[in-house]
PDB file of N, CA and C in Angstrom:
ATOM      1  N   MET A   1     -26.348   8.235  -1.292  1.00  0.00           N
ATOM      2  CA  MET A   1     -25.236   8.244  -2.228  1.00  0.00           C
ATOM      3  C   MET A   1     -25.353   7.027  -3.146  1.00  0.00           C
ATOM      4  N   GLU A   2     -25.064   7.237  -4.414  1.00  0.00           N
ATOM      5  CA  GLU A   2     -25.080   6.126  -5.351  1.00  0.00           C
ATOM      6  C   GLU A   2     -23.944   5.168  -5.031  1.00  0.00           C
ATOM      7  N   GLU A   3     -24.201   3.890  -5.253  1.00  0.00           N
ATOM      8  CA  GLU A   3     -23.243   2.844  -4.880  1.00  0.00           C
ATOM      9  C   GLU A   3     -21.859   3.056  -5.504  1.00  0.00           C
ATOM     10  N   HIS A   4     -21.793   3.452  -6.770  1.00  0.00           N
ATOM     11  CA  HIS A   4     -20.490   3.613  -7.422  1.00  0.00           C
ATOM     12  C   HIS A   4     -19.701   4.811  -6.884  1.00  0.00           C
ATOM     13  N   LEU A   5     -20.315   5.643  -6.074  1.00  0.00           N
ATOM     14  CA  LEU A   5     -19.623   6.792  -5.479  1.00  0.00           C
ATOM     15  C   LEU A   5     -19.203   6.534  -4.031  1.00  0.00           C
ATOM     16  N   ARG A   6     -19.301   5.311  -3.579  1.00  0.00           N
ATOM     17  CA  ARG A   6     -19.083   5.008  -2.165  1.00  0.00           C
ATOM     18  C   ARG A   6     -17.680   5.318  -1.673  1.00  0.00           C
ATOM     19  N   TYR A   7     -16.705   5.462  -2.564  1.00  0.00           N
ATOM     20  CA  TYR A   7     -15.334   5.772  -2.142  1.00  0.00           C
ATOM     21  C   TYR A   7     -14.950   7.221  -2.421  1.00  0.00           C
ATOM     22  N   ALA A   8     -15.869   8.013  -2.897  1.00  0.00           N
ATOM     23  CA  ALA A   8     -15.565   9.381  -3.310  1.00  0.00           C
ATOM     24  C   ALA A   8     -15.108  10.274  -2.160  1.00  0.00           C
ATOM     25  N   ASP A   9     -15.587  10.042  -0.971  1.00  0.00           N
ATOM     26  CA  ASP A   9     -15.282  10.934   0.146  1.00  0.00           C
ATOM     27  C   ASP A   9     -14.213  10.409   1.097  1.00  0.00           C
ATOM     28  N   ILE A  10     -13.520   9.335   0.722  1.00  0.00           N
ATOM     29  CA  ILE A  10     -12.463   8.833   1.601  1.00  0.00           C
ATOM     30  C   ILE A  10     -11.142   9.502   1.244  1.00  0.00           C
ATOM     31  N   ASP A  11     -10.192   9.496   2.163  1.00  0.00           N
ATOM     32  CA  ASP A  11      -8.931  10.200   1.916  1.00  0.00           C
ATOM     33  C   ASP A  11      -8.062   9.459   0.894  1.00  0.00           C
ATOM     34  N   ASP A  12      -7.010  10.137   0.425  1.00  0.00           N
ATOM     35  CA  ASP A  12      -6.160   9.609  -0.648  1.00  0.00           C
ATOM     36  C   ASP A  12      -5.564   8.244  -0.319  1.00  0.00           C
ATOM     37  N   ASN A  13      -5.089   8.068   0.895  1.00  0.00           N
ATOM     38  CA  ASN A  13      -4.489   6.782   1.267  1.00  0.00           C
ATOM     39  C   ASN A  13      -5.508   5.649   1.208  1.00  0.00           C
ATOM     40  N   GLN A  14      -6.698   5.924   1.663  1.00  0.00           N
ATOM     41  CA  GLN A  14      -7.754   4.908   1.608  1.00  0.00           C
ATOM     42  C   GLN A  14      -8.136   4.606   0.156  1.00  0.00           C
ATOM     43  N   GLN A  15      -8.169   5.639  -0.681  1.00  0.00           N
ATOM     44  CA  GLN A  15      -8.477   5.417  -2.093  1.00  0.00           C
ATOM     45  C   GLN A  15      -7.387   4.580  -2.760  1.00  0.00           C
ATOM     46  N   ARG A  16      -6.120   4.870  -2.460  1.00  0.00           N
ATOM     47  CA  ARG A  16      -5.019   4.067  -3.016  1.00  0.00           C
ATOM     48  C   ARG A  16      -5.129   2.611  -2.567  1.00  0.00           C
ATOM     49  N   SER A  17      -5.443   2.429  -1.309  1.00  0.00           N
ATOM     50  CA  SER A  17      -5.596   1.084  -0.770  1.00  0.00           C
ATOM     51  C   SER A  17      -6.739   0.346  -1.457  1.00  0.00           C
ATOM     52  N   ARG A  18      -7.855   1.014  -1.656  1.00  0.00           N
ATOM     53  CA  ARG A  18      -9.004   0.401  -2.317  1.00  0.00           C
ATOM     54  C   ARG A  18      -8.681   0.098  -3.776  1.00  0.00           C
ATOM     55  N   LEU A  19      -7.974   1.001  -4.443  1.00  0.00           N
ATOM     56  CA  LEU A  19      -7.559   0.765  -5.826  1.00  0.00           C
ATOM     57  C   LEU A  19      -6.696  -0.488  -5.913  1.00  0.00           C
ATOM     58  N   ALA A  20      -5.716  -0.582  -5.030  1.00  0.00           N
ATOM     59  CA  ALA A  20      -4.839  -1.750  -5.020  1.00  0.00           C
ATOM     60  C   ALA A  20      -5.643  -3.032  -4.780  1.00  0.00           C
ATOM     61  N   SER A  21      -6.586  -2.985  -3.866  1.00  0.00           N
ATOM     62  CA  SER A  21      -7.363  -4.193  -3.587  1.00  0.00           C
ATOM     63  C   SER A  21      -8.237  -4.585  -4.781  1.00  0.00           C
ATOM     64  N   LEU A  22      -8.754  -3.614  -5.514  1.00  0.00           N
ATOM     65  CA  LEU A  22      -9.555  -3.925  -6.708  1.00  0.00           C
ATOM     66  C   LEU A  22      -8.689  -4.566  -7.792  1.00  0.00           C
ATOM     67  N   ILE A  23      -7.482  -4.042  -7.974  1.00  0.00           N
ATOM     68  CA  ILE A  23      -6.577  -4.593  -8.985  1.00  0.00           C
ATOM     69  C   ILE A  23      -6.110  -5.984  -8.583  1.00  0.00           C
ATOM     70  N   LEU A  24      -5.853  -6.186  -7.302  1.00  0.00           N
ATOM     71  CA  LEU A  24      -5.394  -7.493  -6.823  1.00  0.00           C
ATOM     72  C   LEU A  24      -6.453  -8.584  -6.967  1.00  0.00           C
ATOM     73  N   GLN A  25      -7.693  -8.206  -7.233  1.00  0.00           N
ATOM     74  CA  GLN A  25      -8.766  -9.177  -7.447  1.00  0.00           C
ATOM     75  C   GLN A  25      -8.801  -9.710  -8.884  1.00  0.00           C
ATOM     76  N   VAL A  26      -7.894  -9.209  -9.725  1.00  0.00           N
ATOM     77  CA  VAL A  26      -7.835  -9.645 -11.125  1.00  0.00           C
ATOM     78  C   VAL A  26      -6.520 -10.401 -11.312  1.00  0.00           C
ATOM     79  N   PRO A  27      -6.535 -11.725 -11.150  1.00  0.00           N
ATOM     80  CA  PRO A  27      -5.289 -12.491 -11.145  1.00  0.00           C
ATOM     81  C   PRO A  27      -4.450 -12.344 -12.413  1.00  0.00           C
ATOM     82  N   GLU A  28      -5.103 -12.221 -13.564  1.00  0.00           N
ATOM     83  CA  GLU A  28      -4.344 -12.062 -14.809  1.00  0.00           C
ATOM     84  C   GLU A  28      -3.589 -10.737 -14.828  1.00  0.00           C
ATOM     85  N   LEU A  29      -4.209  -9.701 -14.331  1.00  0.00           N
ATOM     86  CA  LEU A  29      -3.560  -8.386 -14.278  1.00  0.00           C
ATOM     87  C   LEU A  29      -2.416  -8.397 -13.270  1.00  0.00           C
ATOM     88  N   VAL A  30      -2.611  -9.050 -12.151  1.00  0.00           N
ATOM     89  CA  VAL A  30      -1.552  -9.182 -11.145  1.00  0.00           C
ATOM     90  C   VAL A  30      -0.367  -9.931 -11.737  1.00  0.00           C
ATOM     91  N   LYS A  31      -0.655 -10.974 -12.498  1.00  0.00           N
ATOM     92  CA  LYS A  31       0.424 -11.740 -13.127  1.00  0.00           C
ATOM     93  C   LYS A  31       1.238 -10.857 -14.078  1.00  0.00           C
ATOM     94  N   VAL A  32       0.570 -10.043 -14.862  1.00  0.00           N
ATOM     95  CA  VAL A  32       1.268  -9.110 -15.758  1.00  0.00           C
ATOM     96  C   VAL A  32       2.114  -8.135 -14.955  1.00  0.00           C
ATOM     97  N   LEU A  33       1.533  -7.552 -13.920  1.00  0.00           N
ATOM     98  CA  LEU A  33       2.266  -6.577 -13.101  1.00  0.00           C
ATOM     99  C   LEU A  33       3.499  -7.206 -12.455  1.00  0.00           C
ATOM    100  N   ARG A  34       3.369  -8.392 -11.940  1.00  0.00           N
ATOM    101  CA  ARG A  34       4.522  -9.064 -11.314  1.00  0.00           C
ATOM    102  C   ARG A  34       5.588  -9.405 -12.345  1.00  0.00           C
ATOM    103  N   HIS A  35       5.172  -9.815 -13.524  1.00  0.00           N
ATOM    104  CA  HIS A  35       6.124 -10.123 -14.587  1.00  0.00           C
ATOM    105  C   HIS A  35       6.883  -8.860 -15.001  1.00  0.00           C
ATOM    106  N   LEU A  36       6.169  -7.762 -15.154  1.00  0.00           N
ATOM    107  CA  LEU A  36       6.818  -6.503 -15.520  1.00  0.00           C
ATOM    108  C   LEU A  36       7.792  -6.052 -14.441  1.00  0.00           C
ATOM    109  N   GLU A  37       7.397  -6.217 -13.198  1.00  0.00           N
ATOM    110  CA  GLU A  37       8.283  -5.860 -12.092  1.00  0.00           C
ATOM    111  C   GLU A  37       9.556  -6.694 -12.136  1.00  0.00           C
ATOM    112  N   ALA A  38       9.422  -7.980 -12.387  1.00  0.00           N
ATOM    113  CA  ALA A  38      10.588  -8.864 -12.453  1.00  0.00           C
ATOM    114  C   ALA A  38      11.500  -8.514 -13.628  1.00  0.00           C
ATOM    115  N   MET A  39      10.911  -7.998 -14.704  1.00  0.00           N
ATOM    116  CA  MET A  39      11.710  -7.605 -15.871  1.00  0.00           C
ATOM    117  C   MET A  39      12.521  -6.338 -15.615  1.00  0.00           C
ATOM    118  N   ARG A  40      12.112  -5.587 -14.616  1.00  0.00           N
ATOM    119  CA  ARG A  40      12.776  -4.325 -14.264  1.00  0.00           C
ATOM    120  C   ARG A  40      12.833  -3.336 -15.431  1.00  0.00           C
ATOM    121  N   LEU A  41      11.723  -3.234 -16.122  1.00  0.00           N
ATOM    122  CA  LEU A  41      11.638  -2.242 -17.189  1.00  0.00           C
ATOM    123  C   LEU A  41      11.757  -0.853 -16.587  1.00  0.00           C
ATOM    124  N   PRO A  42      12.490   0.024 -17.230  1.00  0.00           N
ATOM    125  CA  PRO A  42      12.607   1.380 -16.680  1.00  0.00           C
ATOM    126  C   PRO A  42      11.319   2.178 -16.889  1.00  0.00           C
ATOM    127  N   ASP A  43      10.921   2.864 -15.854  1.00  0.00           N
ATOM    128  CA  ASP A  43       9.776   3.788 -15.910  1.00  0.00           C
ATOM    129  C   ASP A  43       8.549   3.192 -16.588  1.00  0.00           C
ATOM    130  N   TYR A  44       8.156   1.995 -16.191  1.00  0.00           N
ATOM    131  CA  TYR A  44       6.987   1.373 -16.823  1.00  0.00           C
ATOM    132  C   TYR A  44       5.730   1.662 -16.023  1.00  0.00           C
ATOM    133  N   LEU A  45       4.606   1.547 -16.720  1.00  0.00           N
ATOM    134  CA  LEU A  45       3.311   1.597 -16.053  1.00  0.00           C
ATOM    135  C   LEU A  45       2.277   0.892 -16.905  1.00  0.00           C
ATOM    136  N   VAL A  46       1.252   0.422 -16.239  1.00  0.00           N
ATOM    137  CA  VAL A  46       0.101  -0.159 -16.909  1.00  0.00           C
ATOM    138  C   VAL A  46      -1.007   0.859 -16.767  1.00  0.00           C
ATOM    139  N   GLY A  47      -1.599   1.223 -17.870  1.00  0.00           N
ATOM    140  CA  GLY A  47      -2.608   2.272 -17.797  1.00  0.00           C
ATOM    141  C   GLY A  47      -3.791   1.979 -18.687  1.00  0.00           C
ATOM    142  N   GLY A  48      -4.516   3.018 -18.962  1.00  0.00           N
ATOM    143  CA  GLY A  48      -5.650   2.912 -19.858  1.00  0.00           C
ATOM    144  C   GLY A  48      -6.781   2.109 -19.268  1.00  0.00           C
ATOM    145  N   GLY A  49      -7.515   1.475 -20.165  1.00  0.00           N
ATOM    146  CA  GLY A  49      -8.720   0.749 -19.792  1.00  0.00           C
ATOM    147  C   GLY A  49      -8.514  -0.409 -18.849  1.00  0.00           C
ATOM    148  N   ALA A  50      -7.347  -1.023 -18.885  1.00  0.00           N
ATOM    149  CA  ALA A  50      -7.111  -2.165 -18.001  1.00  0.00           C
ATOM    150  C   ALA A  50      -7.245  -1.771 -16.538  1.00  0.00           C
ATOM    151  N   ILE A  51      -6.858  -0.566 -16.212  1.00  0.00           N
ATOM    152  CA  ILE A  51      -6.979  -0.087 -14.836  1.00  0.00           C
ATOM    153  C   ILE A  51      -8.332   0.602 -14.638  1.00  0.00           C
ATOM    154  N   TYR A  52      -8.609   1.577 -15.482  1.00  0.00           N
ATOM    155  CA  TYR A  52      -9.842   2.348 -15.340  1.00  0.00           C
ATOM    156  C   TYR A  52     -11.074   1.449 -15.361  1.00  0.00           C
ATOM    157  N   GLN A  53     -11.150   0.591 -16.385  1.00  0.00           N
ATOM    158  CA  GLN A  53     -12.340  -0.237 -16.538  1.00  0.00           C
ATOM    159  C   GLN A  53     -12.429  -1.305 -15.458  1.00  0.00           C
ATOM    160  N   THR A  54     -11.285  -1.787 -14.966  1.00  0.00           N
ATOM    161  CA  THR A  54     -11.292  -2.742 -13.855  1.00  0.00           C
ATOM    162  C   THR A  54     -11.968  -2.120 -12.635  1.00  0.00           C
ATOM    163  N   VAL A  55     -11.616  -0.888 -12.350  1.00  0.00           N
ATOM    164  CA  VAL A  55     -12.213  -0.186 -11.208  1.00  0.00           C
ATOM    165  C   VAL A  55     -13.701   0.054 -11.459  1.00  0.00           C
ATOM    166  N   TRP A  56     -14.013   0.578 -12.626  1.00  0.00           N
ATOM    167  CA  TRP A  56     -15.412   0.894 -12.935  1.00  0.00           C
ATOM    168  C   TRP A  56     -16.276  -0.357 -12.890  1.00  0.00           C
ATOM    169  N   ASN A  57     -15.764  -1.458 -13.433  1.00  0.00           N
ATOM    170  CA  ASN A  57     -16.524  -2.710 -13.419  1.00  0.00           C
ATOM    171  C   ASN A  57     -16.788  -3.174 -11.988  1.00  0.00           C
ATOM    172  N   ALA A  58     -15.784  -3.067 -11.136  1.00  0.00           N
ATOM    173  CA  ALA A  58     -15.963  -3.475  -9.738  1.00  0.00           C
ATOM    174  C   ALA A  58     -16.982  -2.585  -9.033  1.00  0.00           C
ATOM    175  N   LEU A  59     -16.932  -1.297  -9.298  1.00  0.00           N
ATOM    176  CA  LEU A  59     -17.841  -0.372  -8.626  1.00  0.00           C
ATOM    177  C   LEU A  59     -19.285  -0.482  -9.111  1.00  0.00           C
ATOM    178  N   THR A  60     -19.447  -0.950 -10.342  1.00  0.00           N
ATOM    179  CA  THR A  60     -20.797  -0.997 -10.902  1.00  0.00           C
ATOM    180  C   THR A  60     -21.334  -2.421 -11.067  1.00  0.00           C
ATOM    181  N   GLY A  61     -20.582  -3.408 -10.576  1.00  0.00           N
ATOM    182  CA  GLY A  61     -21.058  -4.777 -10.614  1.00  0.00           C
ATOM    183  C   GLY A  61     -21.024  -5.446 -11.979  1.00  0.00           C
ATOM    184  N   ARG A  62     -20.237  -4.921 -12.883  1.00  0.00           N
ATOM    185  CA  ARG A  62     -20.121  -5.536 -14.209  1.00  0.00           C
ATOM    186  C   ARG A  62     -19.104  -6.673 -14.172  1.00  0.00           C
ATOM    187  N   PRO A  63     -19.121  -7.536 -15.190  1.00  0.00           N
ATOM    188  CA  PRO A  63     -18.127  -8.614 -15.257  1.00  0.00           C
ATOM    189  C   PRO A  63     -16.708  -8.058 -15.316  1.00  0.00           C
ATOM    190  N   ARG A  64     -15.769  -8.836 -14.823  1.00  0.00           N
ATOM    191  CA  ARG A  64     -14.374  -8.417 -14.668  1.00  0.00           C
ATOM    192  C   ARG A  64     -13.780  -7.746 -15.909  1.00  0.00           C
ATOM    193  N   TRP A  65     -13.888  -8.340 -17.081  1.00  0.00           N
ATOM    194  CA  TRP A  65     -13.228  -7.816 -18.284  1.00  0.00           C
ATOM    195  C   TRP A  65     -14.156  -7.005 -19.174  1.00  0.00           C
ATOM    196  N   TYR A  66     -15.346  -6.684 -18.688  1.00  0.00           N
ATOM    197  CA  TYR A  66     -16.307  -5.928 -19.488  1.00  0.00           C
ATOM    198  C   TYR A  66     -15.696  -4.595 -19.949  1.00  0.00           C
ATOM    199  N   GLY A  67     -15.703  -4.355 -21.245  1.00  0.00           N
ATOM    200  CA  GLY A  67     -15.247  -3.074 -21.782  1.00  0.00           C
ATOM    201  C   GLY A  67     -13.742  -2.879 -21.839  1.00  0.00           C
ATOM    202  N   VAL A  68     -12.966  -3.839 -21.385  1.00  0.00           N
ATOM    203  CA  VAL A  68     -11.505  -3.712 -21.424  1.00  0.00           C
ATOM    204  C   VAL A  68     -11.047  -4.230 -22.780  1.00  0.00           C
ATOM    205  N   LYS A  69     -10.461  -3.352 -23.582  1.00  0.00           N
ATOM    206  CA  LYS A  69     -10.064  -3.735 -24.928  1.00  0.00           C
ATOM    207  C   LYS A  69      -8.648  -4.288 -24.983  1.00  0.00           C
ATOM    208  N   ASP A  70      -7.792  -3.800 -24.099  1.00  0.00           N
ATOM    209  CA  ASP A  70      -6.406  -4.273 -24.072  1.00  0.00           C
ATOM    210  C   ASP A  70      -5.730  -3.806 -22.793  1.00  0.00           C
ATOM    211  N   VAL A  71      -4.547  -4.326 -22.566  1.00  0.00           N
ATOM    212  CA  VAL A  71      -3.701  -3.876 -21.456  1.00  0.00           C
ATOM    213  C   VAL A  71      -2.576  -3.063 -22.078  1.00  0.00           C
ATOM    214  N   ASP A  72      -2.536  -1.782 -21.760  1.00  0.00           N
ATOM    215  CA  ASP A  72      -1.492  -0.902 -22.276  1.00  0.00           C
ATOM    216  C   ASP A  72      -0.332  -0.850 -21.298  1.00  0.00           C
ATOM    217  N   VAL A  73       0.854  -1.194 -21.788  1.00  0.00           N
ATOM    218  CA  VAL A  73       2.075  -1.105 -20.993  1.00  0.00           C
ATOM    219  C   VAL A  73       2.998  -0.133 -21.707  1.00  0.00           C
ATOM    220  N   ILE A  74       3.420   0.878 -20.990  1.00  0.00           N
ATOM    221  CA  ILE A  74       4.413   1.788 -21.551  1.00  0.00           C
ATOM    222  C   ILE A  74       5.623   1.807 -20.623  1.00  0.00           C
ATOM    223  N   TYR A  75       6.762   2.049 -21.226  1.00  0.00           N
ATOM    224  CA  TYR A  75       8.002   2.179 -20.465  1.00  0.00           C
ATOM    225  C   TYR A  75       8.886   3.149 -21.220  1.00  0.00           C
ATOM    226  N   PHE A  76       9.930   3.621 -20.568  1.00  0.00           N
ATOM    227  CA  PHE A  76      10.850   4.517 -21.252  1.00  0.00           C
ATOM    228  C   PHE A  76      12.278   4.078 -20.985  1.00  0.00           C
ATOM    229  N   ASP A  77      12.893   3.579 -22.039  1.00  0.00           N
ATOM    230  CA  ASP A  77      14.291   3.162 -21.983  1.00  0.00           C
ATOM    231  C   ASP A  77      15.033   3.916 -23.075  1.00  0.00           C
ATOM    232  N   ASP A  78      15.647   5.012 -22.697  1.00  0.00           N
ATOM    233  CA  ASP A  78      16.338   5.825 -23.706  1.00  0.00           C
ATOM    234  C   ASP A  78      17.726   5.291 -24.050  1.00  0.00           C
ATOM    235  N   SER A  79      18.129   4.168 -23.449  1.00  0.00           N
ATOM    236  CA  SER A  79      19.420   3.576 -23.801  1.00  0.00           C
ATOM    237  C   SER A  79      19.352   2.871 -25.158  1.00  0.00           C
ATOM    238  N   ASP A  80      18.142   2.490 -25.588  1.00  0.00           N
ATOM    239  CA  ASP A  80      17.971   1.865 -26.894  1.00  0.00           C
ATOM    240  C   ASP A  80      16.525   2.065 -27.333  1.00  0.00           C
ATOM    241  N   LEU A  81      16.321   3.003 -28.228  1.00  0.00           N
ATOM    242  CA  LEU A  81      14.982   3.329 -28.702  1.00  0.00           C
ATOM    243  C   LEU A  81      14.622   2.597 -29.996  1.00  0.00           C
ATOM    244  N   SER A  82      15.394   1.607 -30.354  1.00  0.00           N
ATOM    245  CA  SER A  82      15.181   0.903 -31.619  1.00  0.00           C
ATOM    246  C   SER A  82      13.952   0.002 -31.567  1.00  0.00           C
ATOM    247  N   TYR A  83      13.451  -0.303 -32.758  1.00  0.00           N
ATOM    248  CA  TYR A  83      12.352  -1.253 -32.878  1.00  0.00           C
ATOM    249  C   TYR A  83      12.768  -2.610 -32.323  1.00  0.00           C
ATOM    250  N   GLU A  84      14.000  -3.006 -32.582  1.00  0.00           N
ATOM    251  CA  GLU A  84      14.489  -4.310 -32.137  1.00  0.00           C
ATOM    252  C   GLU A  84      14.474  -4.426 -30.613  1.00  0.00           C
ATOM    253  N   ALA A  85      14.857  -3.370 -29.932  1.00  0.00           N
ATOM    254  CA  ALA A  85      14.848  -3.386 -28.460  1.00  0.00           C
ATOM    255  C   ALA A  85      13.418  -3.493 -27.934  1.00  0.00           C
ATOM    256  N   GLU A  86      12.514  -2.734 -28.523  1.00  0.00           N
ATOM    257  CA  GLU A  86      11.115  -2.811 -28.111  1.00  0.00           C
ATOM    258  C   GLU A  86      10.559  -4.202 -28.406  1.00  0.00           C
ATOM    259  N   ASP A  87      10.921  -4.767 -29.529  1.00  0.00           N
ATOM    260  CA  ASP A  87      10.460  -6.107 -29.884  1.00  0.00           C
ATOM    261  C   ASP A  87      10.956  -7.157 -28.891  1.00  0.00           C
ATOM    262  N   ARG A  88      12.169  -7.003 -28.391  1.00  0.00           N
ATOM    263  CA  ARG A  88      12.683  -7.938 -27.374  1.00  0.00           C
ATOM    264  C   ARG A  88      11.822  -7.877 -26.114  1.00  0.00           C
ATOM    265  N   VAL A  89      11.434  -6.680 -25.728  1.00  0.00           N
ATOM    266  CA  VAL A  89      10.571  -6.527 -24.547  1.00  0.00           C
ATOM    267  C   VAL A  89       9.207  -7.172 -24.822  1.00  0.00           C
ATOM    268  N   ILE A  90       8.650  -6.911 -25.982  1.00  0.00           N
ATOM    269  CA  ILE A  90       7.350  -7.499 -26.340  1.00  0.00           C
ATOM    270  C   ILE A  90       7.431  -9.019 -26.263  1.00  0.00           C
ATOM    271  N   ARG A  91       8.487  -9.593 -26.823  1.00  0.00           N
ATOM    272  CA  ARG A  91       8.643 -11.054 -26.810  1.00  0.00           C
ATOM    273  C   ARG A  91       8.824 -11.589 -25.381  1.00  0.00           C
ATOM    274  N   ALA A  92       9.449 -10.802 -24.521  1.00  0.00           N
ATOM    275  CA  ALA A  92       9.652 -11.233 -23.133  1.00  0.00           C
ATOM    276  C   ALA A  92       8.339 -11.253 -22.350  1.00  0.00           C
ATOM    277  N   VAL A  93       7.369 -10.482 -22.800  1.00  0.00           N
ATOM    278  CA  VAL A  93       6.078 -10.416 -22.120  1.00  0.00           C
ATOM    279  C   VAL A  93       5.078 -11.419 -22.709  1.00  0.00           C
ATOM    280  N   LEU A  94       5.361 -11.935 -23.876  1.00  0.00           N
ATOM    281  CA  LEU A  94       4.420 -12.848 -24.541  1.00  0.00           C
ATOM    282  C   LEU A  94       3.964 -14.032 -23.687  1.00  0.00           C
ATOM    283  N   PRO A  95       4.843 -14.691 -22.938  1.00  0.00           N
ATOM    284  CA  PRO A  95       4.353 -15.825 -22.133  1.00  0.00           C
ATOM    285  C   PRO A  95       3.239 -15.441 -21.161  1.00  0.00           C
ATOM    286  N   VAL A  96       3.297 -14.260 -20.605  1.00  0.00           N
ATOM    287  CA  VAL A  96       2.261 -13.793 -19.686  1.00  0.00           C
ATOM    288  C   VAL A  96       1.036 -13.336 -20.467  1.00  0.00           C
ATOM    289  N   ALA A  97       1.269 -12.729 -21.616  1.00  0.00           N
ATOM    290  CA  ALA A  97       0.170 -12.207 -22.431  1.00  0.00           C
ATOM    291  C   ALA A  97      -0.748 -13.323 -22.919  1.00  0.00           C
ATOM    292  N   ARG A  98      -0.218 -14.504 -23.075  1.00  0.00           N
ATOM    293  CA  ARG A  98      -1.044 -15.630 -23.547  1.00  0.00           C
ATOM    294  C   ARG A  98      -2.152 -15.984 -22.559  1.00  0.00           C
ATOM    295  N   ASP A  99      -1.969 -15.665 -21.298  1.00  0.00           N
ATOM    296  CA  ASP A  99      -2.973 -15.962 -20.273  1.00  0.00           C
ATOM    297  C   ASP A  99      -4.090 -14.920 -20.204  1.00  0.00           C
ATOM    298  N   LEU A 100      -3.929 -13.819 -20.924  1.00  0.00           N
ATOM    299  CA  LEU A 100      -4.917 -12.747 -20.857  1.00  0.00           C
ATOM    300  C   LEU A 100      -6.081 -13.000 -21.809  1.00  0.00           C
ATOM    301  N   PRO A 101      -7.288 -12.622 -21.403  1.00  0.00           N
ATOM    302  CA  PRO A 101      -8.430 -12.752 -22.300  1.00  0.00           C
ATOM    303  C   PRO A 101      -8.504 -11.628 -23.333  1.00  0.00           C
ATOM    304  N   ILE A 102      -7.559 -10.693 -23.254  1.00  0.00           N
ATOM    305  CA  ILE A 102      -7.504  -9.541 -24.156  1.00  0.00           C
ATOM    306  C   ILE A 102      -6.051  -9.322 -24.577  1.00  0.00           C
ATOM    307  N   PRO A 103      -5.815  -8.557 -25.638  1.00  0.00           N
ATOM    308  CA  PRO A 103      -4.437  -8.316 -26.073  1.00  0.00           C
ATOM    309  C   PRO A 103      -3.677  -7.399 -25.116  1.00  0.00           C
ATOM    310  N   ILE A 104      -2.364  -7.467 -25.200  1.00  0.00           N
ATOM    311  CA  ILE A 104      -1.499  -6.561 -24.445  1.00  0.00           C
ATOM    312  C   ILE A 104      -0.687  -5.766 -25.470  1.00  0.00           C
ATOM    313  N   GLN A 105      -0.556  -4.474 -25.229  1.00  0.00           N
ATOM    314  CA  GLN A 105       0.223  -3.610 -26.106  1.00  0.00           C
ATOM    315  C   GLN A 105       1.347  -2.988 -25.299  1.00  0.00           C
ATOM    316  N   ILE A 106       2.565  -3.125 -25.809  1.00  0.00           N
ATOM    317  CA  ILE A 106       3.743  -2.623 -25.106  1.00  0.00           C
ATOM    318  C   ILE A 106       4.444  -1.626 -26.003  1.00  0.00           C
ATOM    319  N   ARG A 107       4.770  -0.474 -25.437  1.00  0.00           N
ATOM    320  CA  ARG A 107       5.463   0.559 -26.205  1.00  0.00           C
ATOM    321  C   ARG A 107       6.503   1.266 -25.356  1.00  0.00           C
ATOM    322  N   ASN A 108       7.644   1.518 -25.992  1.00  0.00           N
ATOM    323  CA  ASN A 108       8.697   2.329 -25.366  1.00  0.00           C
ATOM    324  C   ASN A 108       8.475   3.758 -25.794  1.00  0.00           C
TER     325      ASN A 108
END
């Protein structure tokens, strides 16, 4: 079996556990996730390349941030869909975003 496929045949719980451990090895990403959790944004998630490429890089031995263009954060707060409300969230994340080697994009 090719090295990057070493987790392909494990069960879902083991895959979730391995995914979490790979993400926890990226301190900047953990810092963003903890900050978002503390903000209690409704229905938020971090997706895109920040997660996918983090996993792929770990499985293929590439450098941590190789190919990661940005950290995408989405949330859904239908209590205020205005630009101003989204801008407040963006500004609240800026202190954490400064520690990232790549940009962060936040959208409601």
